[in-house]
């Protein structure tokens, strides 16, 4: 597979992965990917602590993992997942 096709496939997998989240959950997840803490997310997104915690818990639940760290690891290893497995989650 050419580099271009591999990159397109990776982008598509990321989009499918992120589409399982609401827009608000996507914002929280993207900030988590960038290493922001819950407190920093509150300030950036102008949301209450309970809202951020709830959205983080929903993300963790939707991915079937036990922590945000695991959720991030799952996203970072998407390129090794089969497309069929991603679509089933």
PDB file of N, CA and C in Angstrom:
ATOM      1  N   UNK A   1       0.836  -1.172   0.000  1.00  0.00           N
ATOM      2  CA  UNK A   1       0.000   0.000   0.000  1.00  0.00           C
ATOM      3  C   UNK A   1       0.888   1.246   0.000  1.00  0.00           C
ATOM      4  N   UNK A   2       0.520   2.221  -0.786  1.00  0.00           N
ATOM      5  CA  UNK A   2       1.309   3.441  -0.830  1.00  0.00           C
ATOM      6  C   UNK A   2       1.076   4.256   0.444  1.00  0.00           C
ATOM      7  N   UNK A   3       2.021   5.144   0.727  1.00  0.00           N
ATOM      8  CA  UNK A   3       1.922   6.015   1.910  1.00  0.00           C
ATOM      9  C   UNK A   3       0.620   6.808   1.903  1.00  0.00           C
ATOM     10  N   UNK A   4       0.247   7.315   0.730  1.00  0.00           N
ATOM     11  CA  UNK A   4      -0.962   8.119   0.598  1.00  0.00           C
ATOM     12  C   UNK A   4      -2.208   7.322   0.993  1.00  0.00           C
ATOM     13  N   UNK A   5      -2.309   6.110   0.507  1.00  0.00           N
ATOM     14  CA  UNK A   5      -3.463   5.255   0.812  1.00  0.00           C
ATOM     15  C   UNK A   5      -3.472   4.914   2.301  1.00  0.00           C
ATOM     16  N   UNK A   6      -2.303   4.617   2.870  1.00  0.00           N
ATOM     17  CA  UNK A   6      -2.211   4.301   4.298  1.00  0.00           C
ATOM     18  C   UNK A   6      -2.665   5.495   5.137  1.00  0.00           C
ATOM     19  N   UNK A   7      -2.238   6.684   4.746  1.00  0.00           N
ATOM     20  CA  UNK A   7      -2.618   7.894   5.475  1.00  0.00           C
ATOM     21  C   UNK A   7      -4.123   8.136   5.368  1.00  0.00           C
ATOM     22  N   UNK A   8      -4.684   7.959   4.176  1.00  0.00           N
ATOM     23  CA  UNK A   8      -6.133   8.119   3.981  1.00  0.00           C
ATOM     24  C   UNK A   8      -6.901   7.120   4.847  1.00  0.00           C
ATOM     25  N   UNK A   9      -6.415   5.896   4.908  1.00  0.00           N
ATOM     26  CA  UNK A   9      -7.060   4.846   5.709  1.00  0.00           C
ATOM     27  C   UNK A   9      -7.014   5.220   7.187  1.00  0.00           C
ATOM     28  N   UNK A  10      -5.884   5.719   7.646  1.00  0.00           N
ATOM     29  CA  UNK A  10      -5.737   6.125   9.050  1.00  0.00           C
ATOM     30  C   UNK A  10      -6.708   7.262   9.377  1.00  0.00           C
ATOM     31  N   UNK A  11      -6.809   8.252   8.499  1.00  0.00           N
ATOM     32  CA  UNK A  11      -7.722   9.382   8.709  1.00  0.00           C
ATOM     33  C   UNK A  11      -9.166   8.893   8.775  1.00  0.00           C
ATOM     34  N   UNK A  12      -9.532   7.978   7.881  1.00  0.00           N
ATOM     35  CA  UNK A  12     -10.887   7.438   7.865  1.00  0.00           C
ATOM     36  C   UNK A  12     -11.188   6.675   9.157  1.00  0.00           C
ATOM     37  N   UNK A  13     -10.241   5.875   9.621  1.00  0.00           N
ATOM     38  CA  UNK A  13     -10.427   5.142  10.879  1.00  0.00           C
ATOM     39  C   UNK A  13     -10.626   6.105  12.039  1.00  0.00           C
ATOM     40  N   UNK A  14      -9.853   7.201  12.062  1.00  0.00           N
ATOM     41  CA  UNK A  14      -9.982   8.187  13.131  1.00  0.00           C
ATOM     42  C   UNK A  14     -11.362   8.845  13.100  1.00  0.00           C
ATOM     43  N   UNK A  15     -11.846   9.152  11.902  1.00  0.00           N
ATOM     44  CA  UNK A  15     -13.168   9.775  11.773  1.00  0.00           C
ATOM     45  C   UNK A  15     -14.264   8.831  12.258  1.00  0.00           C
ATOM     46  N   UNK A  16     -14.185   7.573  11.867  1.00  0.00           N
ATOM     47  CA  UNK A  16     -15.181   6.585  12.300  1.00  0.00           C
ATOM     48  C   UNK A  16     -15.138   6.447  13.822  1.00  0.00           C
ATOM     49  N   UNK A  17     -13.948   6.391  14.366  1.00  0.00           N
ATOM     50  CA  UNK A  17     -13.759   6.273  15.812  1.00  0.00           C
ATOM     51  C   UNK A  17     -14.400   7.459  16.533  1.00  0.00           C
ATOM     52  N   UNK A  18     -14.120   8.668  16.088  1.00  0.00           N
ATOM     53  CA  UNK A  18     -14.611   9.878  16.756  1.00  0.00           C
ATOM     54  C   UNK A  18     -16.107  10.095  16.553  1.00  0.00           C
ATOM     55  N   UNK A  19     -16.671   9.550  15.475  1.00  0.00           N
ATOM     56  CA  UNK A  19     -18.100   9.743  15.202  1.00  0.00           C
ATOM     57  C   UNK A  19     -19.019   9.055  16.202  1.00  0.00           C
ATOM     58  N   UNK A  20     -18.477   8.173  17.021  1.00  0.00           N
ATOM     59  CA  UNK A  20     -19.322   7.535  18.037  1.00  0.00           C
ATOM     60  C   UNK A  20     -19.591   8.480  19.215  1.00  0.00           C
ATOM     61  N   UNK A  21     -18.879   9.602  19.241  1.00  0.00           N
ATOM     62  CA  UNK A  21     -19.033  10.582  20.315  1.00  0.00           C
ATOM     63  C   UNK A  21     -19.867  11.771  19.863  1.00  0.00           C
ATOM     64  N   UNK A  22     -20.514  12.426  20.836  1.00  0.00           N
ATOM     65  CA  UNK A  22     -21.192  13.693  20.550  1.00  0.00           C
ATOM     66  C   UNK A  22     -20.110  14.742  20.282  1.00  0.00           C
ATOM     67  N   UNK A  23     -20.500  15.898  19.773  1.00  0.00           N
ATOM     68  CA  UNK A  23     -19.541  16.970  19.516  1.00  0.00           C
ATOM     69  C   UNK A  23     -18.823  17.358  20.815  1.00  0.00           C
ATOM     70  N   UNK A  24     -19.581  17.469  21.903  1.00  0.00           N
ATOM     71  CA  UNK A  24     -18.990  17.834  23.197  1.00  0.00           C
ATOM     72  C   UNK A  24     -17.985  16.776  23.667  1.00  0.00           C
ATOM     73  N   UNK A  25     -18.339  15.505  23.496  1.00  0.00           N
ATOM     74  CA  UNK A  25     -17.420  14.417  23.875  1.00  0.00           C
ATOM     75  C   UNK A  25     -16.172  14.432  22.996  1.00  0.00           C
ATOM     76  N   UNK A  26     -16.340  14.735  21.714  1.00  0.00           N
ATOM     77  CA  UNK A  26     -15.187  14.836  20.818  1.00  0.00           C
ATOM     78  C   UNK A  26     -14.235  15.929  21.291  1.00  0.00           C
ATOM     79  N   UNK A  27     -14.787  17.062  21.706  1.00  0.00           N
ATOM     80  CA  UNK A  27     -13.943  18.164  22.199  1.00  0.00           C
ATOM     81  C   UNK A  27     -13.139  17.724  23.415  1.00  0.00           C
ATOM     82  N   UNK A  28     -13.798  17.058  24.344  1.00  0.00           N
ATOM     83  CA  UNK A  28     -13.129  16.574  25.549  1.00  0.00           C
ATOM     84  C   UNK A  28     -12.065  15.549  25.184  1.00  0.00           C
ATOM     85  N   UNK A  29     -12.397  14.623  24.297  1.00  0.00           N
ATOM     86  CA  UNK A  29     -11.448  13.577  23.916  1.00  0.00           C
ATOM     87  C   UNK A  29     -10.231  14.175  23.205  1.00  0.00           C
ATOM     88  N   UNK A  30     -10.459  15.121  22.320  1.00  0.00           N
ATOM     89  CA  UNK A  30      -9.348  15.744  21.603  1.00  0.00           C
ATOM     90  C   UNK A  30      -8.434  16.504  22.564  1.00  0.00           C
ATOM     91  N   UNK A  31      -9.005  17.148  23.570  1.00  0.00           N
ATOM     92  CA  UNK A  31      -8.170  17.816  24.576  1.00  0.00           C
ATOM     93  C   UNK A  31      -7.385  16.791  25.396  1.00  0.00           C
ATOM     94  N   UNK A  32      -8.029  15.662  25.705  1.00  0.00           N
ATOM     95  CA  UNK A  32      -7.335  14.592  26.432  1.00  0.00           C
ATOM     96  C   UNK A  32      -6.171  14.062  25.601  1.00  0.00           C
ATOM     97  N   UNK A  33      -6.386  13.909  24.299  1.00  0.00           N
ATOM     98  CA  UNK A  33      -5.308  13.462  23.406  1.00  0.00           C
ATOM     99  C   UNK A  33      -4.125  14.418  23.446  1.00  0.00           C
ATOM    100  N   UNK A  34      -4.431  15.702  23.598  1.00  0.00           N
ATOM    101  CA  UNK A  34      -3.380  16.722  23.652  1.00  0.00           C
ATOM    102  C   UNK A  34      -2.770  16.866  25.044  1.00  0.00           C
ATOM    103  N   UNK A  35      -3.239  16.045  25.999  1.00  0.00           N
ATOM    104  CA  UNK A  35      -2.636  16.016  27.320  1.00  0.00           C
ATOM    105  C   UNK A  35      -3.212  16.986  28.345  1.00  0.00           C
ATOM    106  N   UNK A  36      -4.354  17.579  28.050  1.00  0.00           N
ATOM    107  CA  UNK A  36      -4.962  18.510  28.996  1.00  0.00           C
ATOM    108  C   UNK A  36      -5.623  17.772  30.159  1.00  0.00           C
ATOM    109  N   UNK A  37      -5.545  18.351  31.332  1.00  0.00           N
ATOM    110  CA  UNK A  37      -6.196  17.776  32.518  1.00  0.00           C
ATOM    111  C   UNK A  37      -7.676  18.154  32.518  1.00  0.00           C
ATOM    112  N   UNK A  38      -8.430  17.511  33.402  1.00  0.00           N
ATOM    113  CA  UNK A  38      -9.844  17.838  33.536  1.00  0.00           C
ATOM    114  C   UNK A  38     -10.058  19.306  33.883  1.00  0.00           C
ATOM    115  N   UNK A  39      -9.229  19.828  34.773  1.00  0.00           N
ATOM    116  CA  UNK A  39      -9.331  21.241  35.175  1.00  0.00           C
ATOM    117  C   UNK A  39      -9.064  22.169  33.995  1.00  0.00           C
ATOM    118  N   UNK A  40      -8.042  21.844  33.208  1.00  0.00           N
ATOM    119  CA  UNK A  40      -7.726  22.658  32.027  1.00  0.00           C
ATOM    120  C   UNK A  40      -8.861  22.597  31.006  1.00  0.00           C
ATOM    121  N   UNK A  41      -9.478  21.430  30.873  1.00  0.00           N
ATOM    122  CA  UNK A  41     -10.623  21.287  29.960  1.00  0.00           C
ATOM    123  C   UNK A  41     -11.775  22.185  30.397  1.00  0.00           C
ATOM    124  N   UNK A  42     -12.010  22.245  31.706  1.00  0.00           N
ATOM    125  CA  UNK A  42     -13.066  23.110  32.240  1.00  0.00           C
ATOM    126  C   UNK A  42     -12.843  24.557  31.797  1.00  0.00           C
ATOM    127  N   UNK A  43     -11.611  25.011  31.934  1.00  0.00           N
ATOM    128  CA  UNK A  43     -11.287  26.397  31.583  1.00  0.00           C
ATOM    129  C   UNK A  43     -11.393  26.632  30.079  1.00  0.00           C
ATOM    130  N   UNK A  44     -10.864  25.722  29.299  1.00  0.00           N
ATOM    131  CA  UNK A  44     -10.868  25.877  27.837  1.00  0.00           C
ATOM    132  C   UNK A  44     -12.291  25.836  27.284  1.00  0.00           C
ATOM    133  N   UNK A  45     -13.090  24.895  27.788  1.00  0.00           N
ATOM    134  CA  UNK A  45     -14.438  24.696  27.250  1.00  0.00           C
ATOM    135  C   UNK A  45     -15.512  25.476  28.020  1.00  0.00           C
ATOM    136  N   UNK A  46     -15.124  26.152  29.079  1.00  0.00           N
ATOM    137  CA  UNK A  46     -16.067  26.902  29.931  1.00  0.00           C
ATOM    138  C   UNK A  46     -17.219  26.011  30.393  1.00  0.00           C
ATOM    139  N   UNK A  47     -16.856  24.859  30.972  1.00  0.00           N
ATOM    140  CA  UNK A  47     -17.854  23.907  31.467  1.00  0.00           C
ATOM    141  C   UNK A  47     -17.582  23.589  32.926  1.00  0.00           C
ATOM    142  N   UNK A  48     -18.614  23.136  33.609  1.00  0.00           N
ATOM    143  CA  UNK A  48     -18.501  22.738  35.008  1.00  0.00           C
ATOM    144  C   UNK A  48     -17.707  21.438  35.127  1.00  0.00           C
ATOM    145  N   UNK A  49     -17.101  21.250  36.288  1.00  0.00           N
ATOM    146  CA  UNK A  49     -16.323  20.034  36.558  1.00  0.00           C
ATOM    147  C   UNK A  49     -17.178  18.781  36.356  1.00  0.00           C
ATOM    148  N   UNK A  50     -18.420  18.821  36.851  1.00  0.00           N
ATOM    149  CA  UNK A  50     -19.314  17.653  36.736  1.00  0.00           C
ATOM    150  C   UNK A  50     -19.597  17.309  35.273  1.00  0.00           C
ATOM    151  N   UNK A  51     -19.702  18.318  34.427  1.00  0.00           N
ATOM    152  CA  UNK A  51     -19.967  18.090  33.004  1.00  0.00           C
ATOM    153  C   UNK A  51     -18.778  17.395  32.345  1.00  0.00           C
ATOM    154  N   UNK A  52     -17.578  17.890  32.615  1.00  0.00           N
ATOM    155  CA  UNK A  52     -16.370  17.283  32.046  1.00  0.00           C
ATOM    156  C   UNK A  52     -16.227  15.844  32.538  1.00  0.00           C
ATOM    157  N   UNK A  53     -16.424  15.632  33.837  1.00  0.00           N
ATOM    158  CA  UNK A  53     -16.326  14.272  34.396  1.00  0.00           C
ATOM    159  C   UNK A  53     -17.332  13.343  33.739  1.00  0.00           C
ATOM    160  N   UNK A  54     -18.550  13.825  33.560  1.00  0.00           N
ATOM    161  CA  UNK A  54     -19.600  13.022  32.934  1.00  0.00           C
ATOM    162  C   UNK A  54     -19.236  12.659  31.496  1.00  0.00           C
ATOM    163  N   UNK A  55     -18.740  13.631  30.755  1.00  0.00           N
ATOM    164  CA  UNK A  55     -18.361  13.370  29.361  1.00  0.00           C
ATOM    165  C   UNK A  55     -17.187  12.406  29.281  1.00  0.00           C
ATOM    166  N   UNK A  56     -16.232  12.551  30.188  1.00  0.00           N
ATOM    167  CA  UNK A  56     -15.097  11.611  30.213  1.00  0.00           C
ATOM    168  C   UNK A  56     -15.587  10.193  30.517  1.00  0.00           C
ATOM    169  N   UNK A  57     -16.505  10.068  31.474  1.00  0.00           N
ATOM    170  CA  UNK A  57     -17.050   8.746  31.823  1.00  0.00           C
ATOM    171  C   UNK A  57     -17.824   8.134  30.651  1.00  0.00           C
ATOM    172  N   UNK A  58     -18.559   8.952  29.933  1.00  0.00           N
ATOM    173  CA  UNK A  58     -19.309   8.463  28.774  1.00  0.00           C
ATOM    174  C   UNK A  58     -18.350   7.955  27.703  1.00  0.00           C
ATOM    175  N   UNK A  59     -17.274   8.674  27.458  1.00  0.00           N
ATOM    176  CA  UNK A  59     -16.257   8.256  26.479  1.00  0.00           C
ATOM    177  C   UNK A  59     -15.678   6.911  26.887  1.00  0.00           C
ATOM    178  N   UNK A  60     -15.297   6.799  28.148  1.00  0.00           N
ATOM    179  CA  UNK A  60     -14.712   5.554  28.675  1.00  0.00           C
ATOM    180  C   UNK A  60     -15.700   4.397  28.511  1.00  0.00           C
ATOM    181  N   UNK A  61     -16.958   4.655  28.836  1.00  0.00           N
ATOM    182  CA  UNK A  61     -17.998   3.635  28.723  1.00  0.00           C
ATOM    183  C   UNK A  61     -18.219   3.210  27.274  1.00  0.00           C
ATOM    184  N   UNK A  62     -18.315   4.184  26.370  1.00  0.00           N
ATOM    185  CA  UNK A  62     -18.547   3.872  24.954  1.00  0.00           C
ATOM    186  C   UNK A  62     -17.421   3.033  24.365  1.00  0.00           C
ATOM    187  N   UNK A  63     -16.210   3.237  24.852  1.00  0.00           N
ATOM    188  CA  UNK A  63     -15.059   2.506  24.326  1.00  0.00           C
ATOM    189  C   UNK A  63     -14.820   1.181  25.043  1.00  0.00           C
ATOM    190  N   UNK A  64     -15.548   0.955  26.123  1.00  0.00           N
ATOM    191  CA  UNK A  64     -15.389  -0.305  26.861  1.00  0.00           C
ATOM    192  C   UNK A  64     -14.032  -0.427  27.522  1.00  0.00           C
ATOM    193  N   UNK A  65     -13.499   0.708  27.977  1.00  0.00           N
ATOM    194  CA  UNK A  65     -12.211   0.711  28.677  1.00  0.00           C
ATOM    195  C   UNK A  65     -12.438   1.187  30.111  1.00  0.00           C
ATOM    196  N   UNK A  66     -11.378   1.174  30.926  1.00  0.00           N
ATOM    197  CA  UNK A  66     -11.572   1.548  32.331  1.00  0.00           C
ATOM    198  C   UNK A  66     -10.972   2.898  32.702  1.00  0.00           C
ATOM    199  N   UNK A  67     -10.290   3.549  31.752  1.00  0.00           N
ATOM    200  CA  UNK A  67      -9.711   4.860  32.059  1.00  0.00           C
ATOM    201  C   UNK A  67      -9.535   5.680  30.784  1.00  0.00           C
ATOM    202  N   UNK A  68      -9.349   6.974  30.969  1.00  0.00           N
ATOM    203  CA  UNK A  68      -9.113   7.846  29.820  1.00  0.00           C
ATOM    204  C   UNK A  68      -7.768   7.504  29.179  1.00  0.00           C
ATOM    205  N   UNK A  69      -6.822   7.089  29.996  1.00  0.00           N
ATOM    206  CA  UNK A  69      -5.502   6.687  29.481  1.00  0.00           C
ATOM    207  C   UNK A  69      -5.658   5.520  28.502  1.00  0.00           C
ATOM    208  N   UNK A  70      -6.504   4.551  28.854  1.00  0.00           N
ATOM    209  CA  UNK A  70      -6.769   3.413  27.964  1.00  0.00           C
ATOM    210  C   UNK A  70      -7.498   3.863  26.702  1.00  0.00           C
ATOM    211  N   UNK A  71      -8.415   4.814  26.848  1.00  0.00           N
ATOM    212  CA  UNK A  71      -9.153   5.339  25.687  1.00  0.00           C
ATOM    213  C   UNK A  71      -8.191   5.976  24.701  1.00  0.00           C
ATOM    214  N   UNK A  72      -7.250   6.746  25.214  1.00  0.00           N
ATOM    215  CA  UNK A  72      -6.252   7.408  24.364  1.00  0.00           C
ATOM    216  C   UNK A  72      -5.379   6.371  23.683  1.00  0.00           C
ATOM    217  N   UNK A  73      -4.976   5.354  24.433  1.00  0.00           N
ATOM    218  CA  UNK A  73      -4.133   4.293  23.874  1.00  0.00           C
ATOM    219  C   UNK A  73      -4.876   3.562  22.746  1.00  0.00           C
ATOM    220  N   UNK A  74      -6.164   3.338  22.948  1.00  0.00           N
ATOM    221  CA  UNK A  74      -6.982   2.670  21.927  1.00  0.00           C
ATOM    222  C   UNK A  74      -7.003   3.502  20.646  1.00  0.00           C
ATOM    223  N   UNK A  75      -7.173   4.820  20.789  1.00  0.00           N
ATOM    224  CA  UNK A  75      -7.176   5.716  19.628  1.00  0.00           C
ATOM    225  C   UNK A  75      -5.813   5.727  18.941  1.00  0.00           C
ATOM    226  N   UNK A  76      -4.752   5.761  19.717  1.00  0.00           N
ATOM    227  CA  UNK A  76      -3.402   5.828  19.152  1.00  0.00           C
ATOM    228  C   UNK A  76      -3.013   4.552  18.413  1.00  0.00           C
ATOM    229  N   UNK A  77      -3.673   3.447  18.703  1.00  0.00           N
ATOM    230  CA  UNK A  77      -3.358   2.174  18.043  1.00  0.00           C
ATOM    231  C   UNK A  77      -4.377   1.801  16.965  1.00  0.00           C
ATOM    232  N   UNK A  78      -5.160   2.781  16.517  1.00  0.00           N
ATOM    233  CA  UNK A  78      -6.178   2.531  15.492  1.00  0.00           C
ATOM    234  C   UNK A  78      -5.602   1.960  14.212  1.00  0.00           C
ATOM    235  N   UNK A  79      -4.426   2.425  13.823  1.00  0.00           N
ATOM    236  CA  UNK A  79      -3.860   1.988  12.546  1.00  0.00           C
ATOM    237  C   UNK A  79      -3.628   0.478  12.505  1.00  0.00           C
ATOM    238  N   UNK A  80      -3.581  -0.154  13.687  1.00  0.00           N
ATOM    239  CA  UNK A  80      -3.373  -1.603  13.741  1.00  0.00           C
ATOM    240  C   UNK A  80      -4.670  -2.386  13.836  1.00  0.00           C
ATOM    241  N   UNK A  81      -5.786  -1.666  14.009  1.00  0.00           N
ATOM    242  CA  UNK A  81      -7.097  -2.315  14.112  1.00  0.00           C
ATOM    243  C   UNK A  81      -7.659  -2.592  12.714  1.00  0.00           C
ATOM    244  N   UNK A  82      -8.404  -3.668  12.594  1.00  0.00           N
ATOM    245  CA  UNK A  82      -9.060  -3.924  11.322  1.00  0.00           C
ATOM    246  C   UNK A  82     -10.257  -2.991  11.196  1.00  0.00           C
ATOM    247  N   UNK A  83     -10.560  -2.511  10.000  1.00  0.00           N
ATOM    248  CA  UNK A  83     -11.717  -1.620   9.821  1.00  0.00           C
ATOM    249  C   UNK A  83     -13.019  -2.236  10.327  1.00  0.00           C
ATOM    250  N   UNK A  84     -13.184  -3.535  10.161  1.00  0.00           N
ATOM    251  CA  UNK A  84     -14.413  -4.214  10.601  1.00  0.00           C
ATOM    252  C   UNK A  84     -14.577  -4.094  12.118  1.00  0.00           C
ATOM    253  N   UNK A  85     -13.498  -4.250  12.857  1.00  0.00           N
ATOM    254  CA  UNK A  85     -13.555  -4.163  14.322  1.00  0.00           C
ATOM    255  C   UNK A  85     -13.938  -2.748  14.756  1.00  0.00           C
ATOM    256  N   UNK A  86     -13.426  -1.730  14.084  1.00  0.00           N
ATOM    257  CA  UNK A  86     -13.740  -0.343  14.415  1.00  0.00           C
ATOM    258  C   UNK A  86     -15.223  -0.071  14.175  1.00  0.00           C
ATOM    259  N   UNK A  87     -15.762  -0.569  13.070  1.00  0.00           N
ATOM    260  CA  UNK A  87     -17.162  -0.321  12.727  1.00  0.00           C
ATOM    261  C   UNK A  87     -18.107  -1.018  13.709  1.00  0.00           C
ATOM    262  N   UNK A  88     -17.666  -2.113  14.320  1.00  0.00           N
ATOM    263  CA  UNK A  88     -18.520  -2.850  15.245  1.00  0.00           C
ATOM    264  C   UNK A  88     -18.613  -2.184  16.604  1.00  0.00           C
ATOM    265  N   UNK A  89     -17.655  -1.335  16.962  1.00  0.00           N
ATOM    266  CA  UNK A  89     -17.663  -0.729  18.307  1.00  0.00           C
ATOM    267  C   UNK A  89     -18.609   0.443  18.395  1.00  0.00           C
TER     268      UNK A  89
END
